[in-house]
Amino acid sequence: MSSAYIIANVRVTNPLQYEEYKKLSSAAMLAHGAQVCVRGGATEVLEGDWKPDRVVVLKFPSMEKARAYYHSAEYGKARKARTGAAVMSMIVAEGI
């Protein structure tokens, strides 16, 4: 079985409100067995014109588990709290 990664670029527009999203998303990650690989921190563009903001990478045991996390009630609460606090671009990618 292949692992899966949720990869997100987050532009935080309201840092105070974003703290509530972080709290709720952390609880959802814990409930769904996400392994946090990257959560903020320094970035450096090596090629291309990507201008990353806040990068997040989560590892899951499978695509199904990653999708279950994203569509869960727990993460739904986090997404609702994020409204107006950040602009999110997110993908899920199958890994090895």
PDB file of N, CA and C in Angstrom:
ATOM      1  N   MET A   1       0.847  -1.184   0.000  1.00  0.00           N
ATOM      2  CA  MET A   1       0.000   0.000   0.000  1.00  0.00           C
ATOM      3  C   MET A   1       0.890   1.244   0.000  1.00  0.00           C
ATOM      4  N   SER A   2       0.565   2.227  -0.827  1.00  0.00           N
ATOM      5  CA  SER A   2       1.311   3.465  -0.927  1.00  0.00           C
ATOM      6  C   SER A   2       0.830   4.459   0.120  1.00  0.00           C
ATOM      7  N   SER A   3       1.741   5.305   0.560  1.00  0.00           N
ATOM      8  CA  SER A   3       1.349   6.399   1.445  1.00  0.00           C
ATOM      9  C   SER A   3       0.775   7.526   0.592  1.00  0.00           C
ATOM     10  N   ALA A   4       0.274   8.548   1.258  1.00  0.00           N
ATOM     11  CA  ALA A   4      -0.274   9.717   0.573  1.00  0.00           C
ATOM     12  C   ALA A   4       0.109  10.960   1.351  1.00  0.00           C
ATOM     13  N   TYR A   5       0.251  12.044   0.631  1.00  0.00           N
ATOM     14  CA  TYR A   5       0.647  13.312   1.225  1.00  0.00           C
ATOM     15  C   TYR A   5      -0.353  14.393   0.868  1.00  0.00           C
ATOM     16  N   ILE A   6      -0.818  15.109   1.866  1.00  0.00           N
ATOM     17  CA  ILE A   6      -1.571  16.337   1.620  1.00  0.00           C
ATOM     18  C   ILE A   6      -0.545  17.453   1.671  1.00  0.00           C
ATOM     19  N   ILE A   7      -0.512  18.238   0.593  1.00  0.00           N
ATOM     20  CA  ILE A   7       0.441  19.338   0.472  1.00  0.00           C
ATOM     21  C   ILE A   7      -0.368  20.608   0.294  1.00  0.00           C
ATOM     22  N   ALA A   8      -0.084  21.583   1.136  1.00  0.00           N
ATOM     23  CA  ALA A   8      -0.858  22.826   1.102  1.00  0.00           C
ATOM     24  C   ALA A   8       0.051  24.038   1.127  1.00  0.00           C
ATOM     25  N   ASN A   9      -0.374  25.067   0.440  1.00  0.00           N
ATOM     26  CA  ASN A   9       0.231  26.390   0.536  1.00  0.00           C
ATOM     27  C   ASN A   9      -0.840  27.303   1.109  1.00  0.00           C
ATOM     28  N   VAL A  10      -0.511  27.965   2.189  1.00  0.00           N
ATOM     29  CA  VAL A  10      -1.491  28.763   2.929  1.00  0.00           C
ATOM     30  C   VAL A  10      -1.032  30.216   2.994  1.00  0.00           C
ATOM     31  N   ARG A  11      -1.890  31.114   2.520  1.00  0.00           N
ATOM     32  CA  ARG A  11      -1.629  32.545   2.704  1.00  0.00           C
ATOM     33  C   ARG A  11      -2.532  33.020   3.835  1.00  0.00           C
ATOM     34  N   VAL A  12      -1.929  33.269   4.980  1.00  0.00           N
ATOM     35  CA  VAL A  12      -2.686  33.690   6.163  1.00  0.00           C
ATOM     36  C   VAL A  12      -3.029  35.169   6.021  1.00  0.00           C
ATOM     37  N   THR A  13      -4.326  35.478   6.143  1.00  0.00           N
ATOM     38  CA  THR A  13      -4.794  36.856   6.014  1.00  0.00           C
ATOM     39  C   THR A  13      -5.247  37.444   7.350  1.00  0.00           C
ATOM     40  N   ASN A  14      -5.534  36.582   8.312  1.00  0.00           N
ATOM     41  CA  ASN A  14      -5.948  37.019   9.643  1.00  0.00           C
ATOM     42  C   ASN A  14      -5.279  36.092  10.661  1.00  0.00           C
ATOM     43  N   PRO A  15      -4.060  36.447  11.105  1.00  0.00           N
ATOM     44  CA  PRO A  15      -3.295  35.556  11.988  1.00  0.00           C
ATOM     45  C   PRO A  15      -4.019  35.186  13.280  1.00  0.00           C
ATOM     46  N   LEU A  16      -4.747  36.095  13.864  1.00  0.00           N
ATOM     47  CA  LEU A  16      -5.454  35.805  15.107  1.00  0.00           C
ATOM     48  C   LEU A  16      -6.526  34.743  14.889  1.00  0.00           C
ATOM     49  N   GLN A  17      -7.336  34.905  13.859  1.00  0.00           N
ATOM     50  CA  GLN A  17      -8.377  33.930  13.547  1.00  0.00           C
ATOM     51  C   GLN A  17      -7.762  32.603  13.095  1.00  0.00           C
ATOM     52  N   TYR A  18      -6.621  32.650  12.438  1.00  0.00           N
ATOM     53  CA  TYR A  18      -5.952  31.441  11.955  1.00  0.00           C
ATOM     54  C   TYR A  18      -5.534  30.530  13.108  1.00  0.00           C
ATOM     55  N   GLU A  19      -5.283  31.086  14.268  1.00  0.00           N
ATOM     56  CA  GLU A  19      -4.918  30.280  15.440  1.00  0.00           C
ATOM     57  C   GLU A  19      -6.023  29.275  15.783  1.00  0.00           C
ATOM     58  N   GLU A  20      -7.273  29.662  15.620  1.00  0.00           N
ATOM     59  CA  GLU A  20      -8.392  28.741  15.878  1.00  0.00           C
ATOM     60  C   GLU A  20      -8.377  27.610  14.851  1.00  0.00           C
ATOM     61  N   TYR A  21      -8.117  27.943  13.592  1.00  0.00           N
ATOM     62  CA  TYR A  21      -7.994  26.905  12.560  1.00  0.00           C
ATOM     63  C   TYR A  21      -6.883  25.930  12.925  1.00  0.00           C
ATOM     64  N   LYS A  22      -5.719  26.432  13.337  1.00  0.00           N
ATOM     65  CA  LYS A  22      -4.602  25.566  13.688  1.00  0.00           C
ATOM     66  C   LYS A  22      -4.973  24.615  14.821  1.00  0.00           C
ATOM     67  N   LYS A  23      -5.689  25.120  15.802  1.00  0.00           N
ATOM     68  CA  LYS A  23      -6.109  24.284  16.931  1.00  0.00           C
ATOM     69  C   LYS A  23      -7.042  23.163  16.447  1.00  0.00           C
ATOM     70  N   LEU A  24      -8.035  23.516  15.659  1.00  0.00           N
ATOM     71  CA  LEU A  24      -9.001  22.530  15.175  1.00  0.00           C
ATOM     72  C   LEU A  24      -8.386  21.563  14.165  1.00  0.00           C
ATOM     73  N   SER A  25      -7.533  22.066  13.294  1.00  0.00           N
ATOM     74  CA  SER A  25      -6.904  21.174  12.313  1.00  0.00           C
ATOM     75  C   SER A  25      -5.934  20.224  13.000  1.00  0.00           C
ATOM     76  N   SER A  26      -5.270  20.668  14.047  1.00  0.00           N
ATOM     77  CA  SER A  26      -4.375  19.783  14.806  1.00  0.00           C
ATOM     78  C   SER A  26      -5.155  18.636  15.434  1.00  0.00           C
ATOM     79  N   ALA A  27      -6.323  18.936  15.981  1.00  0.00           N
ATOM     80  CA  ALA A  27      -7.170  17.888  16.568  1.00  0.00           C
ATOM     81  C   ALA A  27      -7.614  16.902  15.487  1.00  0.00           C
ATOM     82  N   ALA A  28      -7.943  17.409  14.296  1.00  0.00           N
ATOM     83  CA  ALA A  28      -8.355  16.536  13.192  1.00  0.00           C
ATOM     84  C   ALA A  28      -7.187  15.667  12.742  1.00  0.00           C
ATOM     85  N   MET A  29      -5.999  16.232  12.678  1.00  0.00           N
ATOM     86  CA  MET A  29      -4.808  15.459  12.299  1.00  0.00           C
ATOM     87  C   MET A  29      -4.578  14.317  13.287  1.00  0.00           C
ATOM     88  N   LEU A  30      -4.681  14.618  14.544  1.00  0.00           N
ATOM     89  CA  LEU A  30      -4.487  13.614  15.584  1.00  0.00           C
ATOM     90  C   LEU A  30      -5.530  12.505  15.466  1.00  0.00           C
ATOM     91  N   ALA A  31      -6.775  12.887  15.249  1.00  0.00           N
ATOM     92  CA  ALA A  31      -7.863  11.917  15.151  1.00  0.00           C
ATOM     93  C   ALA A  31      -7.724  11.006  13.931  1.00  0.00           C
ATOM     94  N   HIS A  32      -7.038  11.480  12.889  1.00  0.00           N
ATOM     95  CA  HIS A  32      -6.943  10.724  11.643  1.00  0.00           C
ATOM     96  C   HIS A  32      -5.535  10.201  11.359  1.00  0.00           C
ATOM     97  N   GLY A  33      -4.673  10.259  12.349  1.00  0.00           N
ATOM     98  CA  GLY A  33      -3.354   9.652  12.224  1.00  0.00           C
ATOM     99  C   GLY A  33      -2.416  10.320  11.242  1.00  0.00           C
ATOM    100  N   ALA A  34      -2.577  11.614  11.039  1.00  0.00           N
ATOM    101  CA  ALA A  34      -1.685  12.331  10.126  1.00  0.00           C
ATOM    102  C   ALA A  34      -0.307  12.475  10.768  1.00  0.00           C
ATOM    103  N   GLN A  35       0.711  12.292   9.968  1.00  0.00           N
ATOM    104  CA  GLN A  35       2.075  12.566  10.399  1.00  0.00           C
ATOM    105  C   GLN A  35       2.452  13.921   9.815  1.00  0.00           C
ATOM    106  N   VAL A  36       2.764  14.881  10.662  1.00  0.00           N
ATOM    107  CA  VAL A  36       3.131  16.215  10.200  1.00  0.00           C
ATOM    108  C   VAL A  36       4.590  16.185   9.760  1.00  0.00           C
ATOM    109  N   CYS A  37       4.815  16.444   8.479  1.00  0.00           N
ATOM    110  CA  CYS A  37       6.170  16.484   7.926  1.00  0.00           C
ATOM    111  C   CYS A  37       6.696  17.914   7.847  1.00  0.00           C
ATOM    112  N   VAL A  38       5.818  18.837   7.461  1.00  0.00           N
ATOM    113  CA  VAL A  38       6.169  20.254   7.349  1.00  0.00           C
ATOM    114  C   VAL A  38       4.968  21.053   7.822  1.00  0.00           C
ATOM    115  N   ARG A  39       5.223  22.047   8.649  1.00  0.00           N
ATOM    116  CA  ARG A  39       4.133  22.926   9.092  1.00  0.00           C
ATOM    117  C   ARG A  39       4.721  24.309   9.348  1.00  0.00           C
ATOM    118  N   GLY A  40       4.718  25.131   8.292  1.00  0.00           N
ATOM    119  CA  GLY A  40       5.354  26.434   8.394  1.00  0.00           C
ATOM    120  C   GLY A  40       6.855  26.269   8.252  1.00  0.00           C
ATOM    121  N   GLY A  41       7.590  27.200   8.750  1.00  0.00           N
ATOM    122  CA  GLY A  41       9.042  27.117   8.656  1.00  0.00           C
ATOM    123  C   GLY A  41       9.561  27.765   7.386  1.00  0.00           C
ATOM    124  N   ALA A  42      10.866  27.832   7.298  1.00  0.00           N
ATOM    125  CA  ALA A  42      11.527  28.505   6.182  1.00  0.00           C
ATOM    126  C   ALA A  42      11.363  27.710   4.891  1.00  0.00           C
ATOM    127  N   THR A  43      11.239  28.422   3.787  1.00  0.00           N
ATOM    128  CA  THR A  43      11.216  27.815   2.460  1.00  0.00           C
ATOM    129  C   THR A  43      12.218  28.551   1.582  1.00  0.00           C
ATOM    130  N   GLU A  44      12.674  27.856   0.571  1.00  0.00           N
ATOM    131  CA  GLU A  44      13.593  28.451  -0.400  1.00  0.00           C
ATOM    132  C   GLU A  44      13.232  27.893  -1.768  1.00  0.00           C
ATOM    133  N   VAL A  45      12.966  28.764  -2.715  1.00  0.00           N
ATOM    134  CA  VAL A  45      12.642  28.341  -4.071  1.00  0.00           C
ATOM    135  C   VAL A  45      13.938  27.961  -4.770  1.00  0.00           C
ATOM    136  N   LEU A  46      14.000  26.735  -5.272  1.00  0.00           N
ATOM    137  CA  LEU A  46      15.177  26.261  -5.982  1.00  0.00           C
ATOM    138  C   LEU A  46      15.033  26.399  -7.491  1.00  0.00           C
ATOM    139  N   GLU A  47      13.798  26.284  -7.991  1.00  0.00           N
ATOM    140  CA  GLU A  47      13.523  26.465  -9.418  1.00  0.00           C
ATOM    141  C   GLU A  47      12.124  27.018  -9.584  1.00  0.00           C
ATOM    142  N   GLY A  48      11.909  27.705 -10.673  1.00  0.00           N
ATOM    143  CA  GLY A  48      10.574  28.183 -11.016  1.00  0.00           C
ATOM    144  C   GLY A  48      10.223  29.486 -10.338  1.00  0.00           C
ATOM    145  N   ASP A  49       8.953  29.850 -10.502  1.00  0.00           N
ATOM    146  CA  ASP A  49       8.489  31.141  -9.993  1.00  0.00           C
ATOM    147  C   ASP A  49       7.492  31.015  -8.844  1.00  0.00           C
ATOM    148  N   TRP A  50       7.455  29.842  -8.199  1.00  0.00           N
ATOM    149  CA  TRP A  50       6.564  29.640  -7.063  1.00  0.00           C
ATOM    150  C   TRP A  50       6.987  30.558  -5.929  1.00  0.00           C
ATOM    151  N   LYS A  51       6.033  31.220  -5.323  1.00  0.00           N
ATOM    152  CA  LYS A  51       6.275  32.093  -4.174  1.00  0.00           C
ATOM    153  C   LYS A  51       5.469  31.533  -2.999  1.00  0.00           C
ATOM    154  N   PRO A  52       5.999  30.499  -2.347  1.00  0.00           N
ATOM    155  CA  PRO A  52       5.221  29.861  -1.279  1.00  0.00           C
ATOM    156  C   PRO A  52       5.018  30.783  -0.085  1.00  0.00           C
ATOM    157  N   ASP A  53       3.902  30.585   0.563  1.00  0.00           N
ATOM    158  CA  ASP A  53       3.594  31.311   1.793  1.00  0.00           C
ATOM    159  C   ASP A  53       3.914  30.371   2.948  1.00  0.00           C
ATOM    160  N   ARG A  54       2.917  29.820   3.575  1.00  0.00           N
ATOM    161  CA  ARG A  54       3.084  28.845   4.655  1.00  0.00           C
ATOM    162  C   ARG A  54       2.839  27.464   4.050  1.00  0.00           C
ATOM    163  N   VAL A  55       3.838  26.610   4.054  1.00  0.00           N
ATOM    164  CA  VAL A  55       3.732  25.287   3.440  1.00  0.00           C
ATOM    165  C   VAL A  55       3.462  24.244   4.528  1.00  0.00           C
ATOM    166  N   VAL A  56       2.520  23.351   4.227  1.00  0.00           N
ATOM    167  CA  VAL A  56       2.171  22.261   5.141  1.00  0.00           C
ATOM    168  C   VAL A  56       2.197  20.962   4.342  1.00  0.00           C
ATOM    169  N   VAL A  57       2.835  19.926   4.909  1.00  0.00           N
ATOM    170  CA  VAL A  57       2.855  18.598   4.304  1.00  0.00           C
ATOM    171  C   VAL A  57       2.466  17.597   5.388  1.00  0.00           C
ATOM    172  N   LEU A  58       1.412  16.827   5.113  1.00  0.00           N
ATOM    173  CA  LEU A  58       0.933  15.795   6.034  1.00  0.00           C
ATOM    174  C   LEU A  58       1.048  14.444   5.343  1.00  0.00           C
ATOM    175  N   LYS A  59       1.488  13.431   6.074  1.00  0.00           N
ATOM    176  CA  LYS A  59       1.607  12.081   5.528  1.00  0.00           C
ATOM    177  C   LYS A  59       0.519  11.191   6.124  1.00  0.00           C
ATOM    178  N   PHE A  60      -0.107  10.400   5.257  1.00  0.00           N
ATOM    179  CA  PHE A  60      -1.139   9.439   5.645  1.00  0.00           C
ATOM    180  C   PHE A  60      -0.758   8.068   5.097  1.00  0.00           C
ATOM    181  N   PRO A  61      -1.291   7.009   5.684  1.00  0.00           N
ATOM    182  CA  PRO A  61      -0.977   5.660   5.211  1.00  0.00           C
ATOM    183  C   PRO A  61      -1.497   5.351   3.808  1.00  0.00           C
ATOM    184  N   SER A  62      -2.499   6.092   3.336  1.00  0.00           N
ATOM    185  CA  SER A  62      -3.090   5.813   2.026  1.00  0.00           C
ATOM    186  C   SER A  62      -3.866   7.027   1.528  1.00  0.00           C
ATOM    187  N   MET A  63      -4.201   7.014   0.242  1.00  0.00           N
ATOM    188  CA  MET A  63      -5.047   8.069  -0.327  1.00  0.00           C
ATOM    189  C   MET A  63      -6.401   8.081   0.368  1.00  0.00           C
ATOM    190  N   GLU A  64      -6.929   6.896   0.655  1.00  0.00           N
ATOM    191  CA  GLU A  64      -8.233   6.805   1.304  1.00  0.00           C
ATOM    192  C   GLU A  64      -8.217   7.490   2.673  1.00  0.00           C
ATOM    193  N   LYS A  65      -7.144   7.259   3.427  1.00  0.00           N
ATOM    194  CA  LYS A  65      -7.033   7.884   4.760  1.00  0.00           C
ATOM    195  C   LYS A  65      -6.890   9.401   4.640  1.00  0.00           C
ATOM    196  N   ALA A  66      -6.156   9.863   3.650  1.00  0.00           N
ATOM    197  CA  ALA A  66      -6.001  11.301   3.444  1.00  0.00           C
ATOM    198  C   ALA A  66      -7.334  11.944   3.078  1.00  0.00           C
ATOM    199  N   ARG A  67      -8.068  11.283   2.185  1.00  0.00           N
ATOM    200  CA  ARG A  67      -9.388  11.805   1.799  1.00  0.00           C
ATOM    201  C   ARG A  67     -10.350  11.780   2.986  1.00  0.00           C
ATOM    202  N   ALA A  68     -10.282  10.731   3.796  1.00  0.00           N
ATOM    203  CA  ALA A  68     -11.153  10.631   4.973  1.00  0.00           C
ATOM    204  C   ALA A  68     -10.875  11.778   5.943  1.00  0.00           C
ATOM    205  N   TYR A  69      -9.613  12.112   6.121  1.00  0.00           N
ATOM    206  CA  TYR A  69      -9.241  13.259   6.969  1.00  0.00           C
ATOM    207  C   TYR A  69      -9.872  14.535   6.405  1.00  0.00           C
ATOM    208  N   TYR A  70      -9.645  14.781   5.111  1.00  0.00           N
ATOM    209  CA  TYR A  70     -10.122  16.017   4.501  1.00  0.00           C
ATOM    210  C   TYR A  70     -11.642  16.152   4.594  1.00  0.00           C
ATOM    211  N   HIS A  71     -12.354  15.052   4.405  1.00  0.00           N
ATOM    212  CA  HIS A  71     -13.819  15.090   4.388  1.00  0.00           C
ATOM    213  C   HIS A  71     -14.446  14.834   5.765  1.00  0.00           C
ATOM    214  N   SER A  72     -13.631  14.723   6.797  1.00  0.00           N
ATOM    215  CA  SER A  72     -14.139  14.408   8.139  1.00  0.00           C
ATOM    216  C   SER A  72     -14.870  15.591   8.770  1.00  0.00           C
ATOM    217  N   ALA A  73     -15.716  15.268   9.714  1.00  0.00           N
ATOM    218  CA  ALA A  73     -16.411  16.316  10.483  1.00  0.00           C
ATOM    219  C   ALA A  73     -15.405  17.171  11.247  1.00  0.00           C
ATOM    220  N   GLU A  74     -14.354  16.533  11.756  1.00  0.00           N
ATOM    221  CA  GLU A  74     -13.343  17.275  12.529  1.00  0.00           C
ATOM    222  C   GLU A  74     -12.662  18.323  11.652  1.00  0.00           C
ATOM    223  N   TYR A  75     -12.239  17.916  10.454  1.00  0.00           N
ATOM    224  CA  TYR A  75     -11.569  18.887   9.592  1.00  0.00           C
ATOM    225  C   TYR A  75     -12.569  19.878   9.000  1.00  0.00           C
ATOM    226  N   GLY A  76     -13.800  19.472   8.855  1.00  0.00           N
ATOM    227  CA  GLY A  76     -14.838  20.406   8.407  1.00  0.00           C
ATOM    228  C   GLY A  76     -14.979  21.589   9.353  1.00  0.00           C
ATOM    229  N   LYS A  77     -14.879  21.332  10.654  1.00  0.00           N
ATOM    230  CA  LYS A  77     -14.915  22.424  11.639  1.00  0.00           C
ATOM    231  C   LYS A  77     -13.719  23.348  11.450  1.00  0.00           C
ATOM    232  N   ALA A  78     -12.569  22.767  11.180  1.00  0.00           N
ATOM    233  CA  ALA A  78     -11.363  23.572  10.958  1.00  0.00           C
ATOM    234  C   ALA A  78     -11.514  24.430   9.699  1.00  0.00           C
ATOM    235  N   ARG A  79     -12.008  23.821   8.610  1.00  0.00           N
ATOM    236  CA  ARG A  79     -12.203  24.591   7.372  1.00  0.00           C
ATOM    237  C   ARG A  79     -13.141  25.766   7.596  1.00  0.00           C
ATOM    238  N   LYS A  80     -14.196  25.518   8.355  1.00  0.00           N
ATOM    239  CA  LYS A  80     -15.144  26.607   8.646  1.00  0.00           C
ATOM    240  C   LYS A  80     -14.451  27.724   9.425  1.00  0.00           C
ATOM    241  N   ALA A  81     -13.618  27.361  10.396  1.00  0.00           N
ATOM    242  CA  ALA A  81     -12.889  28.362  11.189  1.00  0.00           C
ATOM    243  C   ALA A  81     -11.868  29.123  10.340  1.00  0.00           C
ATOM    244  N   ARG A  82     -11.390  28.494   9.265  1.00  0.00           N
ATOM    245  CA  ARG A  82     -10.385  29.123   8.399  1.00  0.00           C
ATOM    246  C   ARG A  82     -10.984  30.184   7.493  1.00  0.00           C
ATOM    247  N   THR A  83     -12.298  30.141   7.258  1.00  0.00           N
ATOM    248  CA  THR A  83     -12.949  31.097   6.366  1.00  0.00           C
ATOM    249  C   THR A  83     -12.657  32.518   6.824  1.00  0.00           C
ATOM    250  N   GLY A  84     -12.076  33.304   5.928  1.00  0.00           N
ATOM    251  CA  GLY A  84     -11.728  34.690   6.247  1.00  0.00           C
ATOM    252  C   GLY A  84     -10.386  34.843   6.931  1.00  0.00           C
ATOM    253  N   ALA A  85      -9.733  33.720   7.262  1.00  0.00           N
ATOM    254  CA  ALA A  85      -8.444  33.780   7.956  1.00  0.00           C
ATOM    255  C   ALA A  85      -7.275  33.411   7.058  1.00  0.00           C
ATOM    256  N   ALA A  86      -7.559  32.686   5.964  1.00  0.00           N
ATOM    257  CA  ALA A  86      -6.475  32.230   5.097  1.00  0.00           C
ATOM    258  C   ALA A  86      -7.026  31.809   3.743  1.00  0.00           C
ATOM    259  N   VAL A  87      -6.147  31.845   2.756  1.00  0.00           N
ATOM    260  CA  VAL A  87      -6.443  31.327   1.426  1.00  0.00           C
ATOM    261  C   VAL A  87      -5.598  30.072   1.266  1.00  0.00           C
ATOM    262  N   MET A  88      -6.242  28.945   0.982  1.00  0.00           N
ATOM    263  CA  MET A  88      -5.579  27.645   0.953  1.00  0.00           C
ATOM    264  C   MET A  88      -5.576  27.076  -0.460  1.00  0.00           C
ATOM    265  N   SER A  89      -4.419  26.580  -0.877  1.00  0.00           N
ATOM    266  CA  SER A  89      -4.296  25.728  -2.070  1.00  0.00           C
ATOM    267  C   SER A  89      -3.820  24.392  -1.551  1.00  0.00           C
ATOM    268  N   MET A  90      -4.486  23.294  -1.934  1.00  0.00           N
ATOM    269  CA  MET A  90      -4.187  21.996  -1.338  1.00  0.00           C
ATOM    270  C   MET A  90      -4.359  20.889  -2.373  1.00  0.00           C
ATOM    271  N   ILE A  91      -3.443  19.929  -2.312  1.00  0.00           N
ATOM    272  CA  ILE A  91      -3.561  18.729  -3.125  1.00  0.00           C
ATOM    273  C   ILE A  91      -3.310  17.512  -2.248  1.00  0.00           C
ATOM    274  N   VAL A  92      -3.691  16.340  -2.756  1.00  0.00           N
ATOM    275  CA  VAL A  92      -3.264  15.083  -2.158  1.00  0.00           C
ATOM    276  C   VAL A  92      -2.505  14.342  -3.258  1.00  0.00           C
ATOM    277  N   ALA A  93      -1.343  13.793  -2.892  1.00  0.00           N
ATOM    278  CA  ALA A  93      -0.504  13.090  -3.852  1.00  0.00           C
ATOM    279  C   ALA A  93      -0.133  11.729  -3.313  1.00  0.00           C
ATOM    280  N   GLU A  94      -0.210  10.728  -4.186  1.00  0.00           N
ATOM    281  CA  GLU A  94       0.183   9.382  -3.772  1.00  0.00           C
ATOM    282  C   GLU A  94       1.707   9.338  -3.669  1.00  0.00           C
ATOM    283  N   GLY A  95       2.180   8.697  -2.613  1.00  0.00           N
ATOM    284  CA  GLY A  95       3.616   8.584  -2.391  1.00  0.00           C
ATOM    285  C   GLY A  95       4.079   7.149  -2.487  1.00  0.00           C
ATOM    286  N   ILE A  96       5.290   6.922  -2.029  1.00  0.00           N
ATOM    287  CA  ILE A  96       5.860   5.573  -2.056  1.00  0.00           C
ATOM    288  C   ILE A  96       6.183   5.130  -0.647  1.00  0.00           C
TER     289      ILE A  96
END
